[in-house]
Each structure stands twice: as structure tokens, then as C-alpha cells.
PDB file of N, CA and C in Angstrom:
ATOM      1  N   MET A   1     192.804  60.077 243.071  1.00  0.00           N
ATOM      2  CA  MET A   1     193.905  60.597 242.274  1.00  0.00           C
ATOM      3  C   MET A   1     194.537  61.753 243.052  1.00  0.00           C
ATOM      4  N   SER A   2     195.833  61.726 243.135  1.00  0.00           N
ATOM      5  CA  SER A   2     196.535  62.739 243.924  1.00  0.00           C
ATOM      6  C   SER A   2     196.607  64.073 243.178  1.00  0.00           C
ATOM      7  N   GLY A   3     196.979  65.094 243.899  1.00  0.00           N
ATOM      8  CA  GLY A   3     197.108  66.424 243.303  1.00  0.00           C
ATOM      9  C   GLY A   3     198.178  66.461 242.223  1.00  0.00           C
ATOM     10  N   LEU A   4     199.275  65.745 242.450  1.00  0.00           N
ATOM     11  CA  LEU A   4     200.345  65.689 241.446  1.00  0.00           C
ATOM     12  C   LEU A   4     199.863  65.009 240.172  1.00  0.00           C
ATOM     13  N   GLN A   5     199.090  63.954 240.324  1.00  0.00           N
ATOM     14  CA  GLN A   5     198.548  63.264 239.152  1.00  0.00           C
ATOM     15  C   GLN A   5     197.580  64.152 238.387  1.00  0.00           C
ATOM     16  N   LYS A   6     196.710  64.841 239.091  1.00  0.00           N
ATOM     17  CA  LYS A   6     195.751  65.738 238.430  1.00  0.00           C
ATOM     18  C   LYS A   6     196.469  66.876 237.717  1.00  0.00           C
ATOM     19  N   THR A   7     197.467  67.456 238.374  1.00  0.00           N
ATOM     20  CA  THR A   7     198.234  68.542 237.762  1.00  0.00           C
ATOM     21  C   THR A   7     198.951  68.057 236.513  1.00  0.00           C
ATOM     22  N   SER A   8     199.544  66.870 236.591  1.00  0.00           N
ATOM     23  CA  SER A   8     200.243  66.312 235.436  1.00  0.00           C
ATOM     24  C   SER A   8     199.285  66.072 234.275  1.00  0.00           C
ATOM     25  N   LEU A   9     198.111  65.534 234.581  1.00  0.00           N
ATOM     26  CA  LEU A   9     197.137  65.292 233.520  1.00  0.00           C
ATOM     27  C   LEU A   9     196.649  66.596 232.893  1.00  0.00           C
ATOM     28  N   VAL A  10     196.430  67.608 233.695  1.00  0.00           N
ATOM     29  CA  VAL A  10     195.994  68.911 233.158  1.00  0.00           C
ATOM     30  C   VAL A  10     197.065  69.485 232.236  1.00  0.00           C
ATOM     31  N   LEU A  11     198.327  69.419 232.662  1.00  0.00           N
ATOM     32  CA  LEU A  11     199.403  69.934 231.810  1.00  0.00           C
ATOM     33  C   LEU A  11     199.538  69.128 230.526  1.00  0.00           C
ATOM     34  N   LEU A  12     199.300  67.824 230.596  1.00  0.00           N
ATOM     35  CA  LEU A  12     199.333  67.015 229.379  1.00  0.00           C
ATOM     36  C   LEU A  12     198.191  67.371 228.436  1.00  0.00           C
ATOM     37  N   ILE A  13     197.041  67.660 228.977  1.00  0.00           N
ATOM     38  CA  ILE A  13     195.911  68.074 228.139  1.00  0.00           C
ATOM     39  C   ILE A  13     196.227  69.402 227.463  1.00  0.00           C
ATOM     40  N   ILE A  14     196.787  70.335 228.212  1.00  0.00           N
ATOM     41  CA  ILE A  14     197.173  71.625 227.624  1.00  0.00           C
ATOM     42  C   ILE A  14     198.228  71.407 226.541  1.00  0.00           C
ATOM     43  N   GLY A  15     199.199  70.535 226.811  1.00  0.00           N
ATOM     44  CA  GLY A  15     200.219  70.221 225.808  1.00  0.00           C
ATOM     45  C   GLY A  15     199.624  69.574 224.572  1.00  0.00           C
ATOM     46  N   GLY A  16     198.652  68.694 224.771  1.00  0.00           N
ATOM     47  CA  GLY A  16     197.978  68.062 223.636  1.00  0.00           C
ATOM     48  C   GLY A  16     197.211  69.066 222.794  1.00  0.00           C
ATOM     49  N   ILE A  17     196.553  70.000 223.442  1.00  0.00           N
ATOM     50  CA  ILE A  17     195.849  71.059 222.710  1.00  0.00           C
ATOM     51  C   ILE A  17     196.849  71.897 221.919  1.00  0.00           C
ATOM     52  N   ASN A  18     197.986  72.198 222.529  1.00  0.00           N
ATOM     53  CA  ASN A  18     199.016  72.970 221.830  1.00  0.00           C
ATOM     54  C   ASN A  18     199.502  72.214 220.594  1.00  0.00           C
ATOM     55  N   TRP A  19     199.754  70.901 220.740  1.00  0.00           N
ATOM     56  CA  TRP A  19     200.192  70.111 219.577  1.00  0.00           C
ATOM     57  C   TRP A  19     199.101  70.033 218.516  1.00  0.00           C
ATOM     58  N   GLY A  20     197.849  69.993 218.930  1.00  0.00           N
ATOM     59  CA  GLY A  20     196.753  70.025 217.962  1.00  0.00           C
ATOM     60  C   GLY A  20     196.732  71.333 217.182  1.00  0.00           C
ATOM     61  N   LEU A  21     196.946  72.430 217.888  1.00  0.00           N
ATOM     62  CA  LEU A  21     197.015  73.733 217.214  1.00  0.00           C
ATOM     63  C   LEU A  21     198.190  73.787 216.234  1.00  0.00           C
ATOM     64  N   ILE A  22     199.323  73.219 216.636  1.00  0.00           N
ATOM     65  CA  ILE A  22     200.480  73.193 215.744  1.00  0.00           C
ATOM     66  C   ILE A  22     200.173  72.338 214.521  1.00  0.00           C
ATOM     67  N   GLY A  23     199.596  71.178 214.730  1.00  0.00           N
ATOM     68  CA  GLY A  23     199.316  70.263 213.631  1.00  0.00           C
ATOM     69  C   GLY A  23     198.288  70.779 212.648  1.00  0.00           C
ATOM     70  N   PHE A  24     197.222  71.370 213.160  1.00  0.00           N
ATOM     71  CA  PHE A  24     196.134  71.801 212.286  1.00  0.00           C
ATOM     72  C   PHE A  24     196.300  73.216 211.745  1.00  0.00           C
ATOM     73  N   PHE A  25     196.873  74.100 212.539  1.00  0.00           N
ATOM     74  CA  PHE A  25     196.903  75.513 212.157  1.00  0.00           C
ATOM     75  C   PHE A  25     198.294  76.128 212.111  1.00  0.00           C
ATOM     76  N   ARG A  26     199.330  75.326 212.399  1.00  0.00           N
ATOM     77  CA  ARG A  26     200.699  75.824 212.452  1.00  0.00           C
ATOM     78  C   ARG A  26     200.829  77.016 213.406  1.00  0.00           C
ATOM     79  N   PHE A  27     200.137  76.898 214.531  1.00  0.00           N
ATOM     80  CA  PHE A  27     200.160  77.946 215.548  1.00  0.00           C
ATOM     81  C   PHE A  27     200.592  77.350 216.876  1.00  0.00           C
ATOM     82  N   ASP A  28     201.717  77.795 217.390  1.00  0.00           N
ATOM     83  CA  ASP A  28     202.248  77.319 218.669  1.00  0.00           C
ATOM     84  C   ASP A  28     201.828  78.304 219.756  1.00  0.00           C
ATOM     85  N   LEU A  29     200.812  77.931 220.515  1.00  0.00           N
ATOM     86  CA  LEU A  29     200.257  78.822 221.540  1.00  0.00           C
ATOM     87  C   LEU A  29     201.271  79.119 222.637  1.00  0.00           C
ATOM     88  N   VAL A  30     202.022  78.115 223.067  1.00  0.00           N
ATOM     89  CA  VAL A  30     203.024  78.324 224.114  1.00  0.00           C
ATOM     90  C   VAL A  30     204.067  79.331 223.646  1.00  0.00           C
ATOM     91  N   ALA A  31     204.547  79.177 222.405  1.00  0.00           N
ATOM     92  CA  ALA A  31     205.539  80.108 221.874  1.00  0.00           C
ATOM     93  C   ALA A  31     204.951  81.505 221.730  1.00  0.00           C
ATOM     94  N   ALA A  32     203.685  81.595 221.340  1.00  0.00           N
ATOM     95  CA  ALA A  32     203.052  82.900 221.187  1.00  0.00           C
ATOM     96  C   ALA A  32     202.911  83.614 222.530  1.00  0.00           C
ATOM     97  N   ILE A  33     202.604  82.860 223.567  1.00  0.00           N
ATOM     98  CA  ILE A  33     202.412  83.471 224.882  1.00  0.00           C
ATOM     99  C   ILE A  33     203.740  83.829 225.533  1.00  0.00           C
ATOM    100  N   PHE A  34     204.736  82.952 225.398  1.00  0.00           N
ATOM    101  CA  PHE A  34     205.970  83.111 226.164  1.00  0.00           C
ATOM    102  C   PHE A  34     207.170  83.581 225.353  1.00  0.00           C
ATOM    103  N   GLY A  35     206.965  84.152 224.190  1.00  0.00           N
ATOM    104  CA  GLY A  35     208.046  84.822 223.483  1.00  0.00           C
ATOM    105  C   GLY A  35     208.832  83.996 222.492  1.00  0.00           C
ATOM    106  N   GLY A  36     208.209  83.067 221.824  1.00  0.00           N
ATOM    107  CA  GLY A  36     208.894  82.287 220.802  1.00  0.00           C
ATOM    108  C   GLY A  36     209.306  80.918 221.305  1.00  0.00           C
ATOM    109  N   ALA A  37     209.446  79.989 220.365  1.00  0.00           N
ATOM    110  CA  ALA A  37     209.757  78.604 220.721  1.00  0.00           C
ATOM    111  C   ALA A  37     211.145  78.469 221.329  1.00  0.00           C
ATOM    112  N   GLY A  38     212.056  79.379 221.024  1.00  0.00           N
ATOM    113  CA  GLY A  38     213.408  79.290 221.537  1.00  0.00           C
ATOM    114  C   GLY A  38     213.644  80.018 222.847  1.00  0.00           C
ATOM    115  N   SER A  39     212.631  80.716 223.339  1.00  0.00           N
ATOM    116  CA  SER A  39     212.825  81.460 224.590  1.00  0.00           C
ATOM    117  C   SER A  39     212.976  80.495 225.762  1.00  0.00           C
ATOM    118  N   ALA A  40     213.664  80.943 226.786  1.00  0.00           N
ATOM    119  CA  ALA A  40     213.918  80.096 227.945  1.00  0.00           C
ATOM    120  C   ALA A  40     212.618  79.679 228.631  1.00  0.00           C
ATOM    121  N   LEU A  41     211.660  80.583 228.707  1.00  0.00           N
ATOM    122  CA  LEU A  41     210.403  80.259 229.377  1.00  0.00           C
ATOM    123  C   LEU A  41     209.603  79.220 228.587  1.00  0.00           C
ATOM    124  N   SER A  42     209.570  79.362 227.266  1.00  0.00           N
ATOM    125  CA  SER A  42     208.880  78.367 226.439  1.00  0.00           C
ATOM    126  C   SER A  42     209.536  77.003 226.581  1.00  0.00           C
ATOM    127  N   ARG A  43     210.846  76.976 226.550  1.00  0.00           N
ATOM    128  CA  ARG A  43     211.556  75.705 226.689  1.00  0.00           C
ATOM    129  C   ARG A  43     211.303  75.090 228.056  1.00  0.00           C
ATOM    130  N   LEU A  44     211.186  75.914 229.083  1.00  0.00           N
ATOM    131  CA  LEU A  44     210.874  75.418 230.418  1.00  0.00           C
ATOM    132  C   LEU A  44     209.484  74.775 230.438  1.00  0.00           C
ATOM    133  N   ILE A  45     208.511  75.444 229.822  1.00  0.00           N
ATOM    134  CA  ILE A  45     207.150  74.907 229.750  1.00  0.00           C
ATOM    135  C   ILE A  45     207.148  73.578 229.005  1.00  0.00           C
ATOM    136  N   TYR A  46     207.831  73.510 227.851  1.00  0.00           N
ATOM    137  CA  TYR A  46     207.910  72.262 227.086  1.00  0.00           C
ATOM    138  C   TYR A  46     208.546  71.166 227.934  1.00  0.00           C
ATOM    139  N   GLY A  47     209.581  71.498 228.682  1.00  0.00           N
ATOM    140  CA  GLY A  47     210.247  70.522 229.538  1.00  0.00           C
ATOM    141  C   GLY A  47     209.348  70.010 230.648  1.00  0.00           C
ATOM    142  N   ILE A  48     208.593  70.913 231.259  1.00  0.00           N
ATOM    143  CA  ILE A  48     207.678  70.517 232.333  1.00  0.00           C
ATOM    144  C   ILE A  48     206.598  69.591 231.796  1.00  0.00           C
ATOM    145  N   VAL A  49     206.055  69.908 230.627  1.00  0.00           N
ATOM    146  CA  VAL A  49     205.040  69.048 230.023  1.00  0.00           C
ATOM    147  C   VAL A  49     205.632  67.673 229.715  1.00  0.00           C
ATOM    148  N   GLY A  50     206.873  67.644 229.238  1.00  0.00           N
ATOM    149  CA  GLY A  50     207.537  66.367 228.976  1.00  0.00           C
ATOM    150  C   GLY A  50     207.734  65.542 230.239  1.00  0.00           C
ATOM    151  N   LEU A  51     208.116  66.204 231.336  1.00  0.00           N
ATOM    152  CA  LEU A  51     208.265  65.491 232.611  1.00  0.00           C
ATOM    153  C   LEU A  51     206.918  64.965 233.113  1.00  0.00           C
ATOM    154  N   CYS A  52     205.872  65.742 232.889  1.00  0.00           N
ATOM    155  CA  CYS A  52     204.535  65.289 233.280  1.00  0.00           C
ATOM    156  C   CYS A  52     204.137  64.043 232.490  1.00  0.00           C
ATOM    157  N   ALA A  53     204.501  64.010 231.223  1.00  0.00           N
ATOM    158  CA  ALA A  53     204.205  62.832 230.398  1.00  0.00           C
ATOM    159  C   ALA A  53     204.927  61.605 230.944  1.00  0.00           C
ATOM    160  N   LEU A  54     206.181  61.771 231.324  1.00  0.00           N
ATOM    161  CA  LEU A  54     206.916  60.642 231.896  1.00  0.00           C
ATOM    162  C   LEU A  54     206.288  60.189 233.213  1.00  0.00           C
ATOM    163  N   TYR A  55     205.871  61.140 234.027  1.00  0.00           N
ATOM    164  CA  TYR A  55     205.227  60.790 235.292  1.00  0.00           C
ATOM    165  C   TYR A  55     203.914  60.053 235.044  1.00  0.00           C
ATOM    166  N   CYS A  56     203.152  60.482 234.056  1.00  0.00           N
ATOM    167  CA  CYS A  56     201.855  59.855 233.772  1.00  0.00           C
ATOM    168  C   CYS A  56     202.010  58.424 233.253  1.00  0.00           C
ATOM    169  N   LEU A  57     203.181  58.079 232.769  1.00  0.00           N
ATOM    170  CA  LEU A  57     203.418  56.683 232.405  1.00  0.00           C
ATOM    171  C   LEU A  57     203.272  55.781 233.625  1.00  0.00           C
ATOM    172  N   THR A  58     203.630  56.289 234.794  1.00  0.00           N
ATOM    173  CA  THR A  58     203.479  55.485 236.008  1.00  0.00           C
ATOM    174  C   THR A  58     202.005  55.251 236.314  1.00  0.00           C
ATOM    175  N   ILE A  59     201.149  56.199 235.979  1.00  0.00           N
ATOM    176  CA  ILE A  59     199.708  56.028 236.182  1.00  0.00           C
ATOM    177  C   ILE A  59     199.188  54.965 235.219  1.00  0.00           C
ATOM    178  N   LEU A  60     199.640  55.013 233.990  1.00  0.00           N
ATOM    179  CA  LEU A  60     199.178  54.087 232.964  1.00  0.00           C
ATOM    180  C   LEU A  60     199.531  52.646 233.303  1.00  0.00           C
ATOM    181  N   PHE A  61     200.729  52.413 233.824  1.00  0.00           N
ATOM    182  CA  PHE A  61     201.186  51.054 234.072  1.00  0.00           C
ATOM    183  C   PHE A  61     201.028  50.608 235.523  1.00  0.00           C
ATOM    184  N   ARG A  62     200.331  51.403 236.326  1.00  0.00           N
ATOM    185  CA  ARG A  62     200.077  51.021 237.709  1.00  0.00           C
ATOM    186  C   ARG A  62     199.048  49.887 237.725  1.00  0.00           C
ATOM    187  N   PRO A  63     199.282  48.880 238.541  1.00  0.00           N
ATOM    188  CA  PRO A  63     198.288  47.793 238.632  1.00  0.00           C
ATOM    189  C   PRO A  63     196.935  48.329 239.068  1.00  0.00           C
ATOM    190  N   SER A  64     195.879  47.790 238.514  1.00  0.00           N
ATOM    191  CA  SER A  64     194.542  48.307 238.801  1.00  0.00           C
ATOM    192  C   SER A  64     194.167  48.142 240.266  1.00  0.00           C
ATOM    193  N   GLU A  65     194.743  47.148 240.969  1.00  0.00           N
ATOM    194  CA  GLU A  65     194.428  46.966 242.376  1.00  0.00           C
ATOM    195  C   GLU A  65     194.856  48.175 243.200  1.00  0.00           C
ATOM    196  N   SER A  66     196.022  48.736 242.897  1.00  0.00           N
ATOM    197  CA  SER A  66     196.476  49.893 243.670  1.00  0.00           C
ATOM    198  C   SER A  66     195.636  51.119 243.365  1.00  0.00           C
ATOM    199  N   VAL A  67     195.119  51.213 242.162  1.00  0.00           N
ATOM    200  CA  VAL A  67     194.239  52.328 241.815  1.00  0.00           C
ATOM    201  C   VAL A  67     192.939  52.212 242.591  1.00  0.00           C
ATOM    202  N   GLU A  68     192.371  51.000 242.658  1.00  0.00           N
ATOM    203  CA  GLU A  68     191.136  50.793 243.406  1.00  0.00           C
ATOM    204  C   GLU A  68     191.350  51.063 244.892  1.00  0.00           C
ATOM    205  N   HIS A  69     192.463  50.608 245.438  1.00  0.00           N
ATOM    206  CA  HIS A  69     192.762  50.842 246.855  1.00  0.00           C
ATOM    207  C   HIS A  69     192.904  52.331 247.129  1.00  0.00           C
ATOM    208  N   GLU A  70     193.532  53.065 246.193  1.00  0.00           N
ATOM    209  CA  GLU A  70     193.701  54.509 246.363  1.00  0.00           C
ATOM    210  C   GLU A  70     192.335  55.201 246.368  1.00  0.00           C
ATOM    211  N   ARG A  71     191.432  54.782 245.516  1.00  0.00           N
ATOM    212  CA  ARG A  71     190.091  55.364 245.479  1.00  0.00           C
ATOM    213  C   ARG A  71     189.349  55.116 246.795  1.00  0.00           C
ATOM    214  N   GLU A  72     189.435  53.885 247.308  1.00  0.00           N
ATOM    215  CA  GLU A  72     188.779  53.576 248.568  1.00  0.00           C
ATOM    216  C   GLU A  72     189.328  54.416 249.710  1.00  0.00           C
ATOM    217  N   THR A  73     190.623  54.619 249.722  1.00  0.00           N
ATOM    218  CA  THR A  73     191.263  55.391 250.780  1.00  0.00           C
ATOM    219  C   THR A  73     190.835  56.845 250.726  1.00  0.00           C
ATOM    220  N   GLN A  74     190.681  57.399 249.542  1.00  0.00           N
ATOM    221  CA  GLN A  74     190.338  58.813 249.395  1.00  0.00           C
ATOM    222  C   GLN A  74     188.877  59.077 249.709  1.00  0.00           C
ATOM    223  N   THR A  75     187.998  58.101 249.517  1.00  0.00           N
ATOM    224  CA  THR A  75     186.570  58.320 249.767  1.00  0.00           C
ATOM    225  C   THR A  75     186.205  58.194 251.238  1.00  0.00           C
ATOM    226  N   ARG A  76     187.105  57.673 252.045  1.00  0.00           N
ATOM    227  CA  ARG A  76     186.823  57.507 253.486  1.00  0.00           C
ATOM    228  C   ARG A  76     186.979  58.785 254.232  1.00  0.00           C
TER     229      ARG A  76
END
């Protein structure tokens, strides 16, 4: 798995945790850290997480043969 893929997955996990906090406790951690949901920095973070989700769709629909070949190449 490439560095971009790992970074995207980590950001998606953080985004998922944030949505869990919003759903269960009505607490938006990103907004709390970066100055409210409408702040430019919060919106940038939300946008980056959204782009990571779109990128991770390519991982989901990648043929399994290319994933196996990538693993073999990285272990050598």
C-alpha cells in the first residue's frame, strides 16, 4: 500500500470518528479544534477528507490481481 493510500485511509478513519462523535454526542471535533464548522480551516479539512474518500474508491474497485502484484513488489 502506497503512502498516499495509507494517508487517505488514516484521514478517512479520523473523519469517521468525527462523524461518530457528531452522531452520538452532537460534538464536532474538527469544528471545535479549528474554530467552528464555518471557518475556512474546518472547511478545508472537510474537503480534504472528502477528496480522500473519493481516492479510496479507487482502492475499493481495484482488481485484486493488481493489489497482489503491488504487495509482491513492495516485499522484494
